[in-house]
Amino acid sequence: MAKKRPQTKAKRPQLSDEEIPVVGAREPCPCGSGRRYKACHGRAAAQAVTELVHRPFEELPGECDWVALRELVPAATVELSLKGGLPEGVPSVTLATVLPMAWPALRRDDGSVLLGLQNDTASGDISRDLADTLQQALTAQPGTPVQGRRAPADGPRLQDLLDPEGTFEPVVHPGFEFWVPDAENATPEVTASLERANAAAIPTVRLTGVDAAYWCETPEKNHLRWVMPHPEEQLLDALARLHAAGKSSLGEGTRLVGSFRAHGLTVPVWDLPSGVGAEDVEKPAAEFAERLAAALATDAPLTPDERRARGGLTNRQVTLS
């Protein structure tokens, strides 16, 4: 009998981490380890997708306003500037709080881009998801919406795409007429859709004398919600000092009622009487900003009254994101 030749196994090609393709979580990992993808090279990708970035808008111009438009403001737009300028055929890129049908983005007939901010995101990094949507919109066919998807774990973030020297100047609108180029001549169906959206929007005004402070009107009372960039512990100490000294209000009948966290920043909230409009709190807010700056500069230990005031503010604090 002829001897059998010894069988030799062909060596699998060695792939670098960058060359490992994405496959189904339960499929064998393409690296040849013999393990499932989710237990091998898919583990790092899954962690990158799910890991929460607590300050997704950090280092962007207008970080506090990004947070406000994401969480507080119904209808607003901002013109965005891209690194290296706009691509050919794209006359403008505009950030919008929300778009029709909750589209992540829209490439208009004229080639301009609308990027929606108030959308569910597929990962723990809103900045990366928005950047991926923006890149899709820049190359989409004019007249088409962009659907959301899972952004690559190593894809760019907004901080990589937007001009760091660009301005961020939100324009708050009374309604959603910015959805359509000519709202006055829109079809009956579009007009009806706008009317429904406008009816659900809470009247909101951005103050002009201080940064990232937004007045809003509700049936029972009005509010001022002010997104602040200061470190949370330092800000709560300063607010407690002012509250204990009776200097935390914005005028007669107003009251600092607490704060909430959103995307790594703290947002103090004041209750205002129904008759107090945005223009009525412009001067008190500017004066409060001066008192807050002085309190932030103080590093003395809190007094017993200030500690009690801080405890009350902390107990009423919630986290949105």
Protein backbone atom coordinates (compact mmCIF):
# COMPACT_ATOMS: atom_id res chain seq x y z
CA MET A 1 0.00 0.00 0.00
CA ALA A 2 1.19 3.41 -0.85
CA LYS A 3 1.99 5.57 2.10
CA LYS A 4 -0.34 8.44 2.74
CA ARG A 5 1.26 11.78 2.44
CA PRO A 6 1.16 13.81 5.64
CA GLN A 7 -1.57 16.40 5.54
CA THR A 8 -0.48 19.96 6.07
CA LYS A 9 -2.85 22.74 6.91
CA ALA A 10 -2.60 25.85 4.83
CA LYS A 11 -1.77 28.86 6.91
CA ARG A 12 -4.48 31.45 7.16
CA PRO A 13 -3.44 34.87 5.90
CA GLN A 14 -2.51 37.10 8.77
CA LEU A 15 -4.62 40.25 8.89
CA SER A 16 -3.89 43.39 10.80
CA ASP A 17 -6.57 44.82 13.07
CA GLU A 18 -7.32 47.49 10.49
CA GLU A 19 -8.02 44.80 7.85
CA ILE A 20 -10.55 42.77 9.85
CA PRO A 21 -13.94 43.25 8.15
CA VAL A 22 -17.19 43.60 10.11
CA VAL A 23 -19.33 40.44 10.07
CA GLY A 24 -22.32 39.16 12.04
CA ALA A 25 -21.80 39.05 15.80
CA ARG A 26 -22.22 35.24 15.96
CA GLU A 27 -20.15 34.45 12.87
CA PRO A 28 -16.53 33.23 13.08
CA CYS A 29 -14.12 36.12 13.37
CA PRO A 30 -12.31 36.73 10.03
CA CYS A 31 -8.99 36.93 11.87
CA GLY A 32 -8.93 33.11 12.09
CA SER A 33 -8.91 32.85 15.87
CA GLY A 34 -11.78 30.37 15.83
CA ARG A 35 -13.89 32.54 18.15
CA ARG A 36 -17.09 34.33 17.27
CA TYR A 37 -16.69 37.88 16.03
CA LYS A 38 -18.49 39.38 19.06
CA ALA A 39 -15.99 37.70 21.40
CA CYS A 40 -12.95 38.64 19.35
CA HIS A 41 -12.40 41.71 17.17
CA GLY A 42 -16.06 42.71 17.46
CA ARG A 43 -15.65 43.40 21.17
CA ALA A 44 -13.72 46.63 20.70
CA ALA A 45 -16.10 47.79 17.98
CA ALA A 46 -19.13 47.11 20.18
CA GLN A 47 -17.56 48.98 23.09
CA ALA A 48 -16.79 51.97 20.86
CA VAL A 49 -20.41 52.03 19.70
CA THR A 50 -22.00 51.74 23.15
CA GLU A 51 -19.59 53.75 25.28
CA LEU A 52 -21.29 56.99 26.29
CA VAL A 53 -19.49 60.24 25.52
CA HIS A 54 -20.66 62.53 28.31
CA ARG A 55 -19.74 65.79 26.57
CA PRO A 56 -20.26 65.10 22.85
CA PHE A 57 -20.18 68.80 21.91
CA GLU A 58 -17.04 69.68 23.86
CA GLU A 59 -14.57 71.90 21.94
CA LEU A 60 -17.22 72.88 19.40
CA PRO A 61 -18.00 76.60 19.10
CA GLY A 62 -21.15 77.26 21.14
CA GLU A 63 -21.13 74.02 23.17
CA CYS A 64 -23.80 75.36 25.55
CA ASP A 65 -26.11 76.27 22.66
CA TRP A 66 -25.60 72.84 21.08
CA VAL A 67 -26.92 71.34 24.32
CA ALA A 68 -29.83 73.78 24.44
CA LEU A 69 -30.87 73.06 20.86
CA ARG A 70 -30.61 69.34 21.45
CA GLU A 71 -32.69 69.31 24.65
CA LEU A 72 -34.67 72.53 25.12
CA VAL A 73 -35.53 74.43 21.95
CA PRO A 74 -38.35 73.27 19.63
CA ALA A 75 -37.56 75.22 16.46
CA ALA A 76 -34.17 76.75 15.69
CA THR A 77 -31.51 76.76 12.99
CA VAL A 78 -27.78 77.54 12.82
CA GLU A 79 -25.59 78.02 9.76
CA LEU A 80 -22.56 75.73 10.00
CA SER A 81 -19.07 76.27 8.60
CA LEU A 82 -17.04 73.28 7.44
CA LYS A 83 -13.28 72.85 7.52
CA GLY A 84 -11.98 73.66 4.08
CA GLY A 85 -15.23 75.28 3.00
CA LEU A 86 -18.37 73.85 1.41
CA PRO A 87 -18.15 71.14 -1.27
CA GLU A 88 -19.08 72.04 -4.82
CA GLY A 89 -22.83 72.01 -5.31
CA VAL A 90 -23.60 72.54 -1.62
CA PRO A 91 -24.53 76.21 -1.13
CA SER A 92 -25.07 75.91 2.64
CA VAL A 93 -25.18 73.52 5.61
CA THR A 94 -27.75 74.32 8.28
CA LEU A 95 -28.25 72.65 11.65
CA ALA A 96 -31.94 72.34 12.57
CA THR A 97 -33.44 71.21 15.85
CA VAL A 98 -35.83 68.83 14.09
CA LEU A 99 -36.79 67.99 10.49
CA PRO A 100 -40.00 66.69 8.91
CA MET A 101 -40.68 62.99 9.58
CA ALA A 102 -37.78 63.15 12.08
CA TRP A 103 -35.34 62.75 9.19
CA PRO A 104 -31.70 62.76 10.33
CA ALA A 105 -30.82 65.06 7.41
CA LEU A 106 -32.18 66.39 4.14
CA ARG A 107 -30.49 67.41 0.89
CA ARG A 108 -32.75 70.03 -0.66
CA ASP A 109 -33.44 70.44 -4.36
CA ASP A 110 -30.95 73.31 -4.53
CA GLY A 111 -28.20 71.14 -3.00
CA SER A 112 -28.26 72.75 0.44
CA VAL A 113 -28.15 70.48 3.49
CA LEU A 114 -30.31 70.46 6.62
CA LEU A 115 -28.91 68.41 9.52
CA GLY A 116 -31.36 67.38 12.27
CA LEU A 117 -30.12 67.52 15.85
CA GLN A 118 -33.00 66.07 17.87
CA ASN A 119 -32.83 62.48 16.65
CA ASP A 120 -32.20 59.10 18.22
CA THR A 121 -28.58 58.07 17.76
CA ALA A 122 -27.16 54.61 17.13
CA SER A 123 -24.15 54.94 19.42
CA GLY A 124 -23.09 56.60 22.63
CA ASP A 125 -21.40 59.45 20.77
CA ILE A 126 -23.88 61.95 19.33
CA SER A 127 -21.06 63.88 17.69
CA ARG A 128 -19.88 60.86 15.69
CA ASP A 129 -23.42 59.95 14.63
CA LEU A 130 -24.15 63.50 13.48
CA ALA A 131 -20.86 63.67 11.58
CA ASP A 132 -21.69 60.44 9.75
CA THR A 133 -25.14 61.76 8.84
CA LEU A 134 -23.63 65.02 7.64
CA GLN A 135 -21.15 63.21 5.40
CA GLN A 136 -23.98 61.19 3.87
CA ALA A 137 -26.03 64.35 3.27
CA LEU A 138 -23.16 66.14 1.52
CA THR A 139 -23.08 63.43 -1.16
CA ALA A 140 -26.79 62.57 -1.30
CA GLN A 141 -28.84 63.30 -4.40
CA PRO A 142 -30.57 66.70 -4.22
CA GLY A 143 -34.17 66.40 -3.09
CA THR A 144 -33.67 63.34 -0.90
CA PRO A 145 -33.69 62.72 2.87
CA VAL A 146 -30.87 60.85 4.60
CA GLN A 147 -31.65 57.84 6.77
CA GLY A 148 -29.83 57.10 9.99
CA ARG A 149 -27.37 54.23 10.34
CA ARG A 150 -24.67 52.98 12.69
CA ALA A 151 -21.64 55.19 12.24
CA PRO A 152 -18.22 53.52 11.94
CA ALA A 153 -16.52 53.34 15.33
CA ASP A 154 -13.46 55.07 13.88
CA GLY A 155 -15.42 57.58 11.80
CA PRO A 156 -14.98 61.35 12.13
CA ARG A 157 -16.79 63.46 14.73
CA LEU A 158 -18.28 66.91 14.31
CA GLN A 159 -15.08 68.29 15.80
CA ASP A 160 -13.25 66.87 12.77
CA LEU A 161 -15.64 68.31 10.17
CA LEU A 162 -16.68 71.73 11.46
CA ASP A 163 -14.53 74.85 11.35
CA PRO A 164 -13.28 75.45 14.92
CA GLU A 165 -13.07 79.18 14.16
CA GLY A 166 -16.63 79.33 12.85
CA THR A 167 -19.40 81.10 14.73
CA PHE A 168 -22.43 79.36 16.23
CA GLU A 169 -25.37 81.75 16.27
CA PRO A 170 -28.75 80.04 16.77
CA VAL A 171 -31.87 81.60 15.27
CA VAL A 172 -34.96 80.59 17.25
CA HIS A 173 -38.12 80.40 15.16
CA PRO A 174 -41.76 80.66 16.29
CA GLY A 175 -42.58 77.64 14.11
CA PHE A 176 -41.23 75.18 11.57
CA GLU A 177 -41.73 77.19 8.39
CA PHE A 178 -37.99 76.84 7.77
CA TRP A 179 -38.75 73.27 6.67
CA VAL A 180 -39.96 74.49 3.28
CA PRO A 181 -38.47 77.20 1.04
CA ASP A 182 -41.87 78.86 0.41
CA ALA A 183 -44.23 78.11 3.28
CA GLU A 184 -46.85 80.62 2.10
CA ASN A 185 -47.38 78.69 -1.15
CA ALA A 186 -47.06 75.19 0.28
CA THR A 187 -49.54 72.45 -0.59
CA PRO A 188 -52.52 71.88 1.75
CA GLU A 189 -50.89 68.68 3.07
CA VAL A 190 -47.65 70.49 3.92
CA THR A 191 -49.57 73.39 5.45
CA ALA A 192 -51.55 71.01 7.66
CA SER A 193 -48.33 69.28 8.76
CA LEU A 194 -46.76 72.62 9.67
CA GLU A 195 -49.83 73.65 11.64
CA ARG A 196 -49.70 70.45 13.69
CA ALA A 197 -45.99 70.85 14.40
CA ASN A 198 -46.35 74.52 15.30
CA ALA A 199 -49.21 73.79 17.69
CA ALA A 200 -46.99 71.42 19.67
CA ALA A 201 -44.03 73.83 19.94
CA ILE A 202 -43.49 75.65 23.24
CA PRO A 203 -42.86 79.38 22.63
CA THR A 204 -39.14 79.90 23.23
CA VAL A 205 -36.82 82.92 23.05
CA ARG A 206 -33.04 83.07 23.36
CA LEU A 207 -31.82 85.93 25.55
CA THR A 208 -29.44 88.38 23.89
CA GLY A 209 -27.56 89.72 26.91
CA VAL A 210 -26.14 86.42 28.19
CA ASP A 211 -25.04 83.19 26.52
CA ALA A 212 -27.21 80.09 26.11
CA ALA A 213 -30.16 81.25 28.24
CA TYR A 214 -33.62 80.39 26.90
CA TRP A 215 -36.98 81.73 28.09
CA CYS A 216 -40.03 79.58 27.43
CA GLU A 217 -43.76 79.95 28.01
CA THR A 218 -45.95 77.19 29.44
CA PRO A 219 -49.65 77.31 30.37
CA GLU A 220 -49.07 77.58 34.13
CA LYS A 221 -45.84 79.58 34.38
CA ASN A 222 -42.83 80.65 32.37
CA HIS A 223 -39.27 79.42 32.80
CA LEU A 224 -35.69 80.42 32.13
CA ARG A 225 -33.33 77.54 31.40
CA TRP A 226 -29.68 78.54 31.21
CA VAL A 227 -26.99 76.14 29.99
CA MET A 228 -23.71 76.96 31.76
CA PRO A 229 -20.15 75.83 30.93
CA HIS A 230 -18.72 75.85 34.46
CA PRO A 231 -17.63 72.63 36.24
CA GLU A 232 -20.65 71.20 38.03
CA GLU A 233 -19.34 71.17 41.59
CA GLN A 234 -17.99 74.71 41.33
CA LEU A 235 -21.26 75.93 39.80
CA LEU A 236 -23.42 74.28 42.47
CA ASP A 237 -21.29 75.86 45.21
CA ALA A 238 -21.68 79.28 43.60
CA LEU A 239 -25.45 78.87 43.17
CA ALA A 240 -25.72 77.75 46.79
CA ARG A 241 -23.86 80.86 47.99
CA LEU A 242 -26.24 83.10 46.06
CA HIS A 243 -29.32 81.14 47.10
CA ALA A 244 -28.41 81.31 50.79
CA ALA A 245 -27.82 85.06 50.48
CA GLY A 246 -31.19 85.61 48.79
CA LYS A 247 -29.50 86.64 45.52
CA SER A 248 -30.41 83.75 43.24
CA SER A 249 -33.67 85.10 41.84
CA LEU A 250 -34.21 87.08 38.66
CA GLY A 251 -36.60 89.59 40.19
CA GLU A 252 -39.86 89.69 42.08
CA GLY A 253 -41.88 86.49 41.85
CA THR A 254 -39.03 84.50 40.24
CA ARG A 255 -37.29 81.55 41.86
CA LEU A 256 -34.30 79.31 41.20
CA VAL A 257 -35.95 75.89 41.47
CA GLY A 258 -33.08 73.55 40.63
CA SER A 259 -31.04 72.32 37.72
CA PHE A 260 -30.51 69.36 35.44
CA ARG A 261 -27.56 67.79 33.68
CA ALA A 262 -27.44 67.44 29.92
CA HIS A 263 -24.50 66.20 27.85
CA GLY A 264 -21.99 66.95 30.59
CA LEU A 265 -23.20 70.47 31.39
CA THR A 266 -25.41 71.87 34.15
CA VAL A 267 -28.62 73.79 33.36
CA PRO A 268 -30.09 75.90 36.18
CA VAL A 269 -33.84 76.53 35.92
CA TRP A 270 -35.90 79.45 37.18
CA ASP A 271 -39.67 79.66 37.54
CA LEU A 272 -41.10 82.95 36.30
CA PRO A 273 -44.60 84.41 36.68
CA SER A 274 -46.78 84.04 33.59
CA GLY A 275 -46.63 87.76 32.90
CA VAL A 276 -42.81 87.85 32.78
CA GLY A 277 -41.58 87.73 29.18
CA ALA A 278 -38.14 87.21 27.73
CA GLU A 279 -37.46 90.94 27.48
CA ASP A 280 -38.32 91.32 31.19
CA VAL A 281 -35.51 89.01 32.30
CA GLU A 282 -32.77 90.37 30.04
CA LYS A 283 -31.48 92.88 32.60
CA PRO A 284 -31.98 90.65 35.67
CA ALA A 285 -30.14 87.81 33.90
CA ALA A 286 -27.20 90.07 33.07
CA GLU A 287 -27.06 91.23 36.69
CA PHE A 288 -27.24 87.64 37.91
CA ALA A 289 -24.33 86.74 35.62
CA GLU A 290 -22.20 89.33 37.43
CA ARG A 291 -23.20 87.95 40.86
CA LEU A 292 -22.49 84.41 39.67
CA ALA A 293 -19.03 85.37 38.39
CA ALA A 294 -18.15 86.76 41.83
CA ALA A 295 -19.49 83.64 43.56
CA LEU A 296 -17.53 81.37 41.20
CA ALA A 297 -14.34 83.23 42.12
CA THR A 298 -14.85 82.46 45.83
CA ASP A 299 -13.14 79.36 47.20
CA ALA A 300 -14.01 79.77 50.90
CA PRO A 301 -15.71 76.76 52.55
CA LEU A 302 -19.50 76.81 52.42
CA THR A 303 -21.27 78.03 55.54
CA PRO A 304 -23.96 75.83 57.16
CA ASP A 305 -26.69 77.85 55.42
CA GLU A 306 -24.90 77.52 52.09
CA ARG A 307 -24.50 73.76 52.57
CA ARG A 308 -28.22 73.44 53.24
CA ALA A 309 -28.97 75.50 50.13
CA ARG A 310 -26.63 73.30 48.11
CA GLY A 311 -28.31 70.17 49.41
CA GLY A 312 -31.68 71.51 48.32
CA LEU A 313 -30.40 72.30 44.83
CA THR A 314 -28.73 68.89 44.52
CA ASN A 315 -31.85 67.02 45.65
CA ARG A 316 -33.83 68.69 42.85
CA GLN A 317 -31.25 67.89 40.17
CA VAL A 318 -32.02 65.41 37.41
CA THR A 319 -30.00 64.06 34.49
CA LEU A 320 -31.38 64.15 30.94
CA SER A 321 -28.40 62.57 29.21
